[in-house]
Amino acid sequence: MSLLAIEIINKMRDLCFNARRGDLAENLATQALQLASSPVDTETSIGKDAIFQVAQIGKECHSRSAICDQIGKCIMLKEGVFAR
């Protein structure tokens, strides 16, 4: 599962990319969690029943996406969080 902070989505809007939730291929948009700076294997709960474990921070872009072309950088390199 991929997670991206709503703060990053808002940052994309500030950079003139009309991003909405889901446009950046995130499965979940989080708020007020510092997941991108969390160590791998950190466990976090969502609500009462869901627990996820950080599996990977960032991912390499193998091809330039529309986002990269429009804002000049890939946010998933450092901001994308992947969990199980």
C-alpha atoms as a PDB file:
ATOM      1  CA  MET A   1       0.000   0.000   0.000  1.00  0.00           C
ATOM      2  CA  SER A   2       1.301   3.480  -0.786  1.00  0.00           C
ATOM      3  CA  LEU A   3       0.800   6.463   1.477  1.00  0.00           C
ATOM      4  CA  LEU A   4       1.365  10.125   0.832  1.00  0.00           C
ATOM      5  CA  ALA A   5       0.867  13.033   3.207  1.00  0.00           C
ATOM      6  CA  ILE A   6      -1.947  15.428   2.350  1.00  0.00           C
ATOM      7  CA  GLU A   7       0.615  18.137   3.120  1.00  0.00           C
ATOM      8  CA  ILE A   8       2.634  16.935   0.093  1.00  0.00           C
ATOM      9  CA  ILE A   9      -0.477  16.922  -2.094  1.00  0.00           C
ATOM     10  CA  ASN A  10      -1.123  20.518  -0.987  1.00  0.00           C
ATOM     11  CA  LYS A  11       2.517  21.352  -1.747  1.00  0.00           C
ATOM     12  CA  MET A  12       1.953  20.070  -5.295  1.00  0.00           C
ATOM     13  CA  ARG A  13      -0.972  22.486  -5.600  1.00  0.00           C
ATOM     14  CA  ASP A  14       1.340  25.307  -4.509  1.00  0.00           C
ATOM     15  CA  LEU A  15       3.711  24.289  -7.325  1.00  0.00           C
ATOM     16  CA  CYS A  16       0.854  24.734  -9.814  1.00  0.00           C
ATOM     17  CA  PHE A  17       0.087  21.034 -10.220  1.00  0.00           C
ATOM     18  CA  ASN A  18      -3.648  20.598  -9.740  1.00  0.00           C
ATOM     19  CA  ALA A  19      -3.288  17.519  -7.534  1.00  0.00           C
ATOM     20  CA  ARG A  20      -6.222  15.898  -5.817  1.00  0.00           C
ATOM     21  CA  ARG A  21      -6.252  12.866  -3.543  1.00  0.00           C
ATOM     22  CA  GLY A  22      -5.462   9.817  -5.653  1.00  0.00           C
ATOM     23  CA  ASP A  23      -3.803  11.756  -8.487  1.00  0.00           C
ATOM     24  CA  LEU A  24      -0.348  10.880  -7.178  1.00  0.00           C
ATOM     25  CA  ALA A  25      -1.154   7.133  -7.053  1.00  0.00           C
ATOM     26  CA  GLU A  26      -1.378   6.994  -3.278  1.00  0.00           C
ATOM     27  CA  ASN A  27      -3.682   4.420  -1.739  1.00  0.00           C
ATOM     28  CA  LEU A  28      -4.053   6.504   1.420  1.00  0.00           C
ATOM     29  CA  ALA A  29      -3.566  10.205   2.018  1.00  0.00           C
ATOM     30  CA  THR A  30      -2.385  10.825   5.576  1.00  0.00           C
ATOM     31  CA  GLN A  31      -2.402  13.981   7.640  1.00  0.00           C
ATOM     32  CA  ALA A  32      -0.131  15.107  10.478  1.00  0.00           C
ATOM     33  CA  LEU A  33       1.972  11.910  10.339  1.00  0.00           C
ATOM     34  CA  GLN A  34       5.695  12.167   9.690  1.00  0.00           C
ATOM     35  CA  LEU A  35       5.858   8.863   7.820  1.00  0.00           C
ATOM     36  CA  ALA A  36       8.565   9.831   5.326  1.00  0.00           C
ATOM     37  CA  SER A  37      10.974  10.353   8.226  1.00  0.00           C
ATOM     38  CA  SER A  38       9.927   7.177  10.057  1.00  0.00           C
ATOM     39  CA  PRO A  39      12.317   4.251  10.166  1.00  0.00           C
ATOM     40  CA  VAL A  40      11.438   1.189   8.106  1.00  0.00           C
ATOM     41  CA  ASP A  41       9.422  -1.308  10.222  1.00  0.00           C
ATOM     42  CA  THR A  42       7.695   1.474  12.211  1.00  0.00           C
ATOM     43  CA  GLU A  43       4.140   0.413  13.059  1.00  0.00           C
ATOM     44  CA  THR A  44       1.262   2.900  13.030  1.00  0.00           C
ATOM     45  CA  SER A  45      -2.441   2.407  13.540  1.00  0.00           C
ATOM     46  CA  ILE A  46      -5.282   3.883  11.557  1.00  0.00           C
ATOM     47  CA  GLY A  47      -8.446   3.972  13.593  1.00  0.00           C
ATOM     48  CA  LYS A  48      -9.131   1.107  16.001  1.00  0.00           C
ATOM     49  CA  ASP A  49      -8.607  -1.868  13.719  1.00  0.00           C
ATOM     50  CA  ALA A  50      -5.941  -1.162  11.107  1.00  0.00           C
ATOM     51  CA  ILE A  51      -2.209  -1.376  11.768  1.00  0.00           C
ATOM     52  CA  PHE A  52       0.391  -0.891   9.076  1.00  0.00           C
ATOM     53  CA  GLN A  53       4.152  -1.247   9.073  1.00  0.00           C
ATOM     54  CA  VAL A  54       6.433   1.039   7.037  1.00  0.00           C
ATOM     55  CA  ALA A  55       8.166  -1.183   4.470  1.00  0.00           C
ATOM     56  CA  GLN A  56       9.936   1.367   2.253  1.00  0.00           C
ATOM     57  CA  ILE A  57      10.515   5.103   2.055  1.00  0.00           C
ATOM     58  CA  GLY A  58      10.638   6.506  -1.441  1.00  0.00           C
ATOM     59  CA  LYS A  59      10.939   4.778  -4.760  1.00  0.00           C
ATOM     60  CA  GLU A  60      12.961   5.293  -7.861  1.00  0.00           C
ATOM     61  CA  CYS A  61      11.190   6.784 -10.846  1.00  0.00           C
ATOM     62  CA  HIS A  62      11.895   4.590 -13.840  1.00  0.00           C
ATOM     63  CA  SER A  63      10.186   6.919 -16.284  1.00  0.00           C
ATOM     64  CA  ARG A  64       9.341  10.579 -16.065  1.00  0.00           C
ATOM     65  CA  SER A  65       5.725  11.052 -15.122  1.00  0.00           C
ATOM     66  CA  ALA A  66       3.476  13.979 -15.959  1.00  0.00           C
ATOM     67  CA  ILE A  67       4.150  15.273 -12.459  1.00  0.00           C
ATOM     68  CA  CYS A  68       7.926  15.195 -13.011  1.00  0.00           C
ATOM     69  CA  ASP A  69       7.523  16.979 -16.321  1.00  0.00           C
ATOM     70  CA  GLN A  70       5.282  19.675 -14.859  1.00  0.00           C
ATOM     71  CA  ILE A  71       7.099  20.459 -11.595  1.00  0.00           C
ATOM     72  CA  GLY A  72      10.607  19.291 -12.519  1.00  0.00           C
ATOM     73  CA  LYS A  73      11.098  16.662  -9.830  1.00  0.00           C
ATOM     74  CA  CYS A  74       9.673  13.392  -8.614  1.00  0.00           C
ATOM     75  CA  ILE A  75       8.122  13.587  -5.171  1.00  0.00           C
ATOM     76  CA  MET A  76       8.022   9.818  -4.739  1.00  0.00           C
ATOM     77  CA  LEU A  77      11.828   9.627  -4.393  1.00  0.00           C
ATOM     78  CA  LYS A  78      11.657  10.926  -0.824  1.00  0.00           C
ATOM     79  CA  GLU A  79       8.008  11.479   0.058  1.00  0.00           C
ATOM     80  CA  GLY A  80       6.290   8.250  -0.946  1.00  0.00           C
ATOM     81  CA  VAL A  81       5.828   5.704   1.828  1.00  0.00           C
ATOM     82  CA  PHE A  82       5.044   2.066   1.239  1.00  0.00           C
ATOM     83  CA  ALA A  83       3.564  -0.107   3.954  1.00  0.00           C
ATOM     84  CA  ARG A  84       2.210  -3.552   4.652  1.00  0.00           C
END
